[in-house]
Protein backbone atom coordinates (compact mmCIF):
# COMPACT_ATOMS: atom_id res chain seq x y z
CA MET A 1 -52.62 58.21 60.62
CA THR A 2 -50.20 60.54 62.38
CA SER A 3 -51.52 60.59 65.95
CA ALA A 4 -49.12 59.36 68.60
CA PRO A 5 -49.61 55.79 69.84
CA ILE A 6 -51.35 55.39 73.20
CA LEU A 7 -50.70 51.71 73.85
CA SER A 8 -47.23 50.20 74.09
CA THR A 9 -48.47 46.79 72.89
CA SER A 10 -50.29 45.48 69.83
CA HIS A 11 -53.14 44.01 71.90
CA LEU A 12 -55.52 44.79 74.73
CA LEU A 13 -55.64 41.58 76.76
CA GLY A 14 -56.19 43.01 80.23
CA ILE A 15 -55.85 45.98 82.55
CA GLU A 16 -53.21 44.38 84.77
CA HIS A 17 -50.27 45.31 82.54
CA LEU A 18 -51.46 48.76 81.43
CA SER A 19 -49.76 51.83 82.85
CA VAL A 20 -51.59 54.78 84.38
CA ALA A 21 -50.55 56.82 81.33
CA GLU A 22 -52.05 54.26 78.95
CA ILE A 23 -55.31 54.11 80.90
CA THR A 24 -55.50 57.91 81.02
CA GLY A 25 -54.74 58.16 77.32
CA LEU A 26 -57.57 55.76 76.46
CA LEU A 27 -60.00 57.64 78.70
CA ASP A 28 -59.01 60.98 77.17
CA LEU A 29 -59.48 59.63 73.65
CA ALA A 30 -62.82 58.09 74.60
CA GLU A 31 -64.00 61.50 75.80
CA THR A 32 -63.75 62.75 72.23
CA TYR A 33 -65.76 59.79 70.96
CA ALA A 34 -68.41 60.31 73.63
CA VAL A 35 -68.92 63.77 72.13
CA LEU A 36 -68.89 62.42 68.55
CA ASN A 37 -71.49 59.78 69.42
CA ARG A 38 -73.93 62.51 70.42
CA ALA A 39 -73.44 64.42 67.17
CA GLN A 40 -75.65 64.04 64.11
CA ASN A 41 -72.78 62.61 62.05
CA LYS A 42 -71.23 59.89 64.21
CA LYS A 43 -68.80 58.46 61.66
CA THR A 44 -65.10 58.94 61.04
CA ASP A 45 -62.61 57.14 58.79
CA VAL A 46 -59.98 56.25 61.41
CA LEU A 47 -60.29 52.55 60.53
CA LYS A 48 -61.01 52.98 56.82
CA GLY A 49 -59.55 50.00 54.94
CA ARG A 50 -59.15 47.97 58.13
CA THR A 51 -60.96 44.70 58.88
CA LEU A 52 -62.42 43.98 62.30
CA ILE A 53 -63.64 40.49 63.22
CA ASN A 54 -65.85 39.91 66.25
CA MET A 55 -65.59 36.31 67.44
CA PHE A 56 -67.75 35.57 70.48
CA PHE A 57 -67.64 32.04 71.88
CA GLU A 58 -69.93 33.30 74.65
CA SER A 59 -73.05 35.25 73.79
CA SER A 60 -73.14 38.91 74.83
CA THR A 61 -75.56 41.15 73.02
CA ARG A 62 -74.33 44.29 74.77
CA THR A 63 -70.59 43.83 74.28
CA GLN A 64 -70.71 42.43 70.75
CA SER A 65 -73.12 45.06 69.45
CA SER A 66 -71.00 47.74 71.12
CA PHE A 67 -67.82 46.59 69.36
CA GLU A 68 -69.69 46.25 66.07
CA LEU A 69 -71.05 49.77 66.32
CA ALA A 70 -67.66 51.11 67.39
CA GLY A 71 -65.95 49.51 64.38
CA LYS A 72 -68.54 50.76 61.91
CA ARG A 73 -68.47 54.30 63.28
CA LEU A 74 -64.70 54.28 62.78
CA GLY A 75 -65.11 53.17 59.17
CA ALA A 76 -63.88 49.57 59.47
CA ASP A 77 -65.18 46.56 57.58
CA VAL A 78 -66.79 44.56 60.38
CA MET A 79 -67.53 40.84 60.36
CA ASN A 80 -69.31 38.99 63.15
CA MET A 81 -68.40 35.29 63.18
CA SER A 82 -71.17 32.96 64.29
CA VAL A 83 -69.28 30.47 66.44
CA LYS A 84 -72.31 28.22 66.95
CA THR A 85 -72.42 27.46 63.22
CA SER A 86 -68.66 27.49 62.62
CA SER A 87 -66.14 24.67 62.52
CA VAL A 88 -65.36 25.40 66.18
CA SER A 89 -68.65 23.81 67.20
CA LYS A 90 -67.72 20.78 65.10
CA GLY A 91 -64.53 20.09 67.02
CA GLU A 92 -62.02 22.52 65.55
CA THR A 93 -59.44 23.61 68.13
CA LEU A 94 -58.73 27.20 69.02
CA ILE A 95 -55.31 26.86 67.35
CA ASP A 96 -56.99 25.67 64.12
CA THR A 97 -59.33 28.64 64.32
CA ALA A 98 -56.38 31.00 64.78
CA THR A 99 -54.69 29.58 61.68
CA THR A 100 -57.87 30.01 59.65
CA LEU A 101 -58.38 33.56 60.86
CA ASN A 102 -54.76 34.44 60.12
CA ALA A 103 -55.27 33.46 56.49
CA MET A 104 -58.09 36.02 56.24
CA ARG A 105 -55.62 38.81 57.15
CA PRO A 106 -57.77 40.72 59.64
CA ASP A 107 -56.37 43.82 61.30
CA ILE A 108 -58.16 43.51 64.64
CA LEU A 109 -59.83 40.51 66.28
CA VAL A 110 -62.22 40.98 69.20
CA VAL A 111 -62.65 37.70 71.06
CA ARG A 112 -64.81 36.57 73.95
CA HIS A 113 -64.20 33.07 75.28
CA GLN A 114 -65.28 30.95 78.21
CA ASP A 115 -61.70 29.91 79.05
CA SER A 116 -59.23 32.18 80.82
CA GLY A 117 -56.18 32.79 78.65
CA ALA A 118 -57.90 32.19 75.30
CA ALA A 119 -57.36 35.78 74.12
CA GLU A 120 -53.68 35.64 75.02
CA LEU A 121 -53.29 32.36 73.13
CA LEU A 122 -54.84 33.88 70.02
CA ALA A 123 -52.62 36.95 70.36
CA ARG A 124 -49.56 34.70 70.22
CA LYS A 125 -50.80 32.84 67.13
CA LEU A 126 -52.26 35.68 65.05
CA ASP A 127 -50.57 38.44 63.06
CA CYS A 128 -53.25 40.99 64.00
CA CYS A 129 -54.23 43.00 67.06
CA VAL A 130 -56.35 41.09 69.58
CA VAL A 131 -58.85 42.64 71.99
CA ASN A 132 -60.03 40.61 74.95
CA ALA A 133 -63.80 41.03 75.27
CA GLY A 134 -63.86 38.72 78.30
CA ASP A 135 -62.02 35.44 78.92
CA GLY A 136 -63.36 33.07 81.55
CA SER A 137 -63.04 34.59 85.01
CA HIS A 138 -59.78 36.34 84.08
CA GLU A 139 -60.37 39.87 82.72
CA HIS A 140 -62.78 42.10 80.79
CA PRO A 141 -60.64 45.19 80.16
CA THR A 142 -63.03 47.33 78.12
CA GLN A 143 -65.70 46.97 80.81
CA ALA A 144 -63.35 48.38 83.43
CA LEU A 145 -62.35 51.19 81.08
CA LEU A 146 -65.95 52.14 80.32
CA ASP A 147 -66.75 52.04 84.03
CA ALA A 148 -63.82 54.39 84.69
CA LEU A 149 -64.94 56.71 81.91
CA THR A 150 -68.47 56.80 83.33
CA ILE A 151 -67.15 57.66 86.79
CA ARG A 152 -64.79 60.33 85.47
CA ARG A 153 -67.50 62.01 83.40
CA ARG A 154 -69.50 62.44 86.60
CA GLY A 155 -66.66 64.57 87.95
CA ARG A 156 -65.36 62.00 90.42
CA ALA A 157 -61.58 61.99 90.89
CA PHE A 158 -60.09 58.51 91.29
CA GLU A 159 -57.59 59.44 93.99
CA GLY A 160 -59.16 58.49 97.33
CA LEU A 161 -62.47 57.44 95.74
CA ILE A 162 -64.13 54.64 97.70
CA VAL A 163 -65.60 51.99 95.40
CA ALA A 164 -67.54 49.04 96.82
CA ILE A 165 -67.65 46.07 94.43
CA CYS A 166 -70.46 43.86 95.66
CA GLY A 167 -71.61 40.34 94.89
CA ASP A 168 -70.18 37.43 92.94
CA VAL A 169 -66.51 38.48 92.92
CA ALA A 170 -65.28 34.88 92.65
CA HIS A 171 -66.64 34.36 89.14
CA SER A 172 -66.33 37.95 87.87
CA ARG A 173 -63.77 39.01 85.27
CA VAL A 174 -65.36 42.48 85.51
CA ALA A 175 -64.36 42.67 89.17
CA ARG A 176 -60.77 41.67 88.43
CA SER A 177 -60.32 44.27 85.70
CA ASN A 178 -61.93 46.98 87.82
CA ILE A 179 -59.74 46.12 90.80
CA HIS A 180 -56.60 46.46 88.67
CA LEU A 181 -57.72 49.77 87.16
CA LEU A 182 -59.12 51.44 90.26
CA LEU A 183 -56.12 50.59 92.44
CA LYS A 184 -53.71 51.84 89.75
CA MET A 185 -55.63 55.13 89.61
CA GLY A 186 -55.51 55.65 93.37
CA ALA A 187 -58.99 54.58 94.43
CA ARG A 188 -59.82 52.53 97.54
CA VAL A 189 -61.60 49.31 96.64
CA ARG A 190 -63.82 47.25 98.90
CA LEU A 191 -65.03 43.77 98.07
CA VAL A 192 -68.42 43.03 99.64
CA ALA A 193 -69.62 39.43 99.39
CA PRO A 194 -70.32 36.26 101.33
CA ARG A 195 -67.21 34.12 101.82
CA THR A 196 -68.46 31.61 99.25
CA LEU A 197 -68.41 34.29 96.54
CA LEU A 198 -64.91 35.60 97.18
CA PRO A 199 -61.78 34.14 95.57
CA ALA A 200 -59.63 32.10 97.93
CA ASP A 201 -56.79 34.63 97.50
CA ALA A 202 -58.96 37.74 97.82
CA ASP A 203 -56.83 39.00 100.69
CA ARG A 204 -53.94 39.43 98.23
CA PHE A 205 -55.82 41.83 95.94
CA GLY A 206 -55.04 44.94 97.97
CA CYS A 207 -58.72 45.56 98.71
CA GLU A 208 -60.72 45.84 101.91
CA ILE A 209 -62.86 42.76 102.50
CA HIS A 210 -66.38 42.98 103.94
CA HIS A 211 -69.01 40.30 104.41
CA ASP A 212 -72.03 42.51 105.05
CA MET A 213 -73.48 45.41 103.08
CA LYS A 214 -73.76 47.82 106.01
CA SER A 215 -70.03 47.95 106.75
CA GLY A 216 -69.05 47.46 103.11
CA LEU A 217 -71.07 50.40 101.82
CA ALA A 218 -70.38 52.77 104.71
CA GLY A 219 -69.01 55.98 103.19
CA ALA A 220 -68.72 54.51 99.67
CA ASP A 221 -68.76 56.93 96.72
CA ILE A 222 -69.55 54.27 94.10
CA VAL A 223 -71.51 51.05 94.60
CA MET A 224 -70.71 48.59 91.82
CA MET A 225 -73.01 45.57 91.78
CA LEU A 226 -72.06 42.30 90.10
CA ARG A 227 -74.30 39.74 88.45
CA LEU A 228 -74.77 36.46 90.30
CA GLN A 229 -73.23 34.13 87.67
CA LEU A 230 -75.18 30.95 88.29
CA GLU A 231 -73.97 29.46 84.99
CA ARG A 232 -70.37 29.41 86.30
CA MET A 233 -71.25 27.77 89.59
CA SER A 234 -71.07 24.09 90.37
CA GLY A 235 -72.61 23.50 93.77
CA ALA A 236 -74.49 25.71 96.20
CA PHE A 237 -72.72 29.04 96.59
CA VAL A 238 -75.82 30.75 98.02
CA PRO A 239 -78.80 29.17 99.85
CA SER A 240 -81.31 30.75 97.45
CA THR A 241 -81.62 33.85 95.28
CA ARG A 242 -84.33 35.12 97.62
CA GLU A 243 -82.03 34.91 100.63
CA TYR A 244 -79.15 36.35 98.62
CA PHE A 245 -81.21 39.42 97.76
CA HIS A 246 -82.23 39.84 101.39
CA PHE A 247 -78.61 40.09 102.55
CA TYR A 248 -76.70 41.33 99.49
CA GLY A 249 -79.21 42.69 96.97
CA LEU A 250 -79.00 46.47 96.58
CA ASP A 251 -82.15 48.37 97.47
CA HIS A 252 -82.63 51.94 98.65
CA LYS A 253 -82.39 50.87 102.29
CA LYS A 254 -78.92 49.37 101.81
CA LEU A 255 -77.83 52.22 99.50
CA ALA A 256 -78.50 54.60 102.40
CA TYR A 257 -75.44 53.09 104.12
CA ALA A 258 -73.24 54.66 101.42
CA LYS A 259 -72.11 58.27 101.26
CA PRO A 260 -74.86 60.79 100.39
CA GLY A 261 -74.82 61.22 96.61
CA ALA A 262 -73.31 57.77 96.03
CA LEU A 263 -73.76 56.41 92.52
CA VAL A 264 -74.73 52.89 91.47
CA MET A 265 -73.22 50.83 88.65
CA HIS A 266 -73.84 47.39 87.16
CA PRO A 267 -72.06 45.83 84.14
CA GLY A 268 -75.20 44.03 82.98
CA PRO A 269 -77.12 42.01 82.25
CA MET A 270 -78.96 42.56 85.52
CA ASN A 271 -80.79 39.97 87.56
CA ARG A 272 -83.47 42.27 88.92
CA GLY A 273 -84.59 41.23 92.37
CA VAL A 274 -81.44 39.14 92.85
CA GLU A 275 -78.47 41.51 93.06
CA ILE A 276 -80.29 44.78 92.51
CA ASP A 277 -83.79 46.13 93.04
CA SER A 278 -85.53 47.66 90.03
CA ALA A 279 -86.30 50.79 92.06
CA VAL A 280 -82.55 51.42 92.38
CA ALA A 281 -81.55 50.29 88.88
CA ASP A 282 -84.10 52.63 87.28
CA ASP A 283 -83.54 55.60 89.61
CA ILE A 284 -82.00 58.26 87.35
CA GLU A 285 -80.77 60.19 90.40
CA VAL A 286 -78.33 57.44 91.43
CA SER A 287 -78.05 54.87 88.64
CA LEU A 288 -75.27 55.10 86.03
CA ILE A 289 -76.27 51.88 84.28
CA GLN A 290 -77.54 53.45 81.06
CA GLU A 291 -74.53 55.78 80.94
CA GLN A 292 -72.29 52.73 81.20
CA VAL A 293 -73.91 51.31 78.06
CA GLU A 294 -73.40 54.60 76.20
CA MET A 295 -69.77 54.90 77.30
CA GLY A 296 -69.17 51.32 76.17
CA VAL A 297 -69.30 52.42 72.53
CA ALA A 298 -67.01 55.40 73.16
CA ILE A 299 -64.35 53.40 75.02
CA ARG A 300 -64.36 50.64 72.42
CA MET A 301 -63.93 53.22 69.68
CA ALA A 302 -60.95 54.56 71.62
CA VAL A 303 -59.42 51.09 72.00
CA LEU A 304 -59.82 50.30 68.30
CA ASP A 305 -58.41 53.72 67.38
CA ALA A 306 -55.42 53.20 69.70
CA LEU A 307 -54.66 49.80 68.18
CA ALA A 308 -55.00 51.21 64.67
CA ARG A 309 -52.44 53.89 65.54
CA GLY A 310 -50.01 51.12 66.39
CA LEU A 311 -50.65 49.48 63.02
CA ALA A 312 -50.09 52.76 61.19
CA SER A 313 -46.84 53.48 63.03
CA GLY A 314 -45.27 50.21 61.94
CA GLY A 315 -46.91 47.60 64.14
CA ARG A 316 -48.54 44.38 63.02
CA ASN A 317 -50.14 44.39 59.60
CA ALA A 318 -48.69 47.79 58.88
CA PRO A 319 -48.80 48.64 55.18
């Protein structure tokens, strides 16, 4: 593998510490995989001889299947570890798991975990590349990258772009990764949510804060809806899902507050009738949701490729 490295580190743990050049390099590489994924022959041998392990402590059909497909299309040997039936569910610590995985000599580990910082801990303990597929409410870097790729492929320049991120920001790792990426790339970011669904330090994020959809969406180019994460809530953050939809659920009436031609995004899975109306989610004129799913495979192929370049140039597990 002779291609120049894109990433300056052996892992992808978050967007926060990536440079604009690294983000742009990943998006450029993903563009080539978006084209490949629409060809009849979708496979390449970039990861031939490499082993990729997917280890998901939280279930996510979309993200796990996307990484699995990405690895296989790049020619890797892919193993999905079933955490529910592993020693982890029997009391094994994350450190024990890291030691066990290290003995298997994987090249890349993709991990999703309910605790913030779990991916970073594994990165310190393992001799392979680690990709964070979502850790607690910390970050979900590949989601932000695929969102950026989807926006860019629609011809939208990031500089000066107004993106409204709406909904459960407090519990959303997707929001945090997108905020880091969009601000780095020159976009203006608005957070639109009730006070109960905003982090206590939201005013430090460098975003505009709005508590109603009308002002929050006014003039927005992109409306990014977030899932109401009831499973992460202890206590009453919203009076009811019905009332939440009335004030913060995206329908065509609220979308009309945004700039004409505004596009709608959602990381999935969607709670239809809670944070987004089906009529908007399924409207091919405004919804980018299916394109986000497609670009997920392309961006994850780019990430795996970029990490493999580091291995080939003398990084971890280099031959």
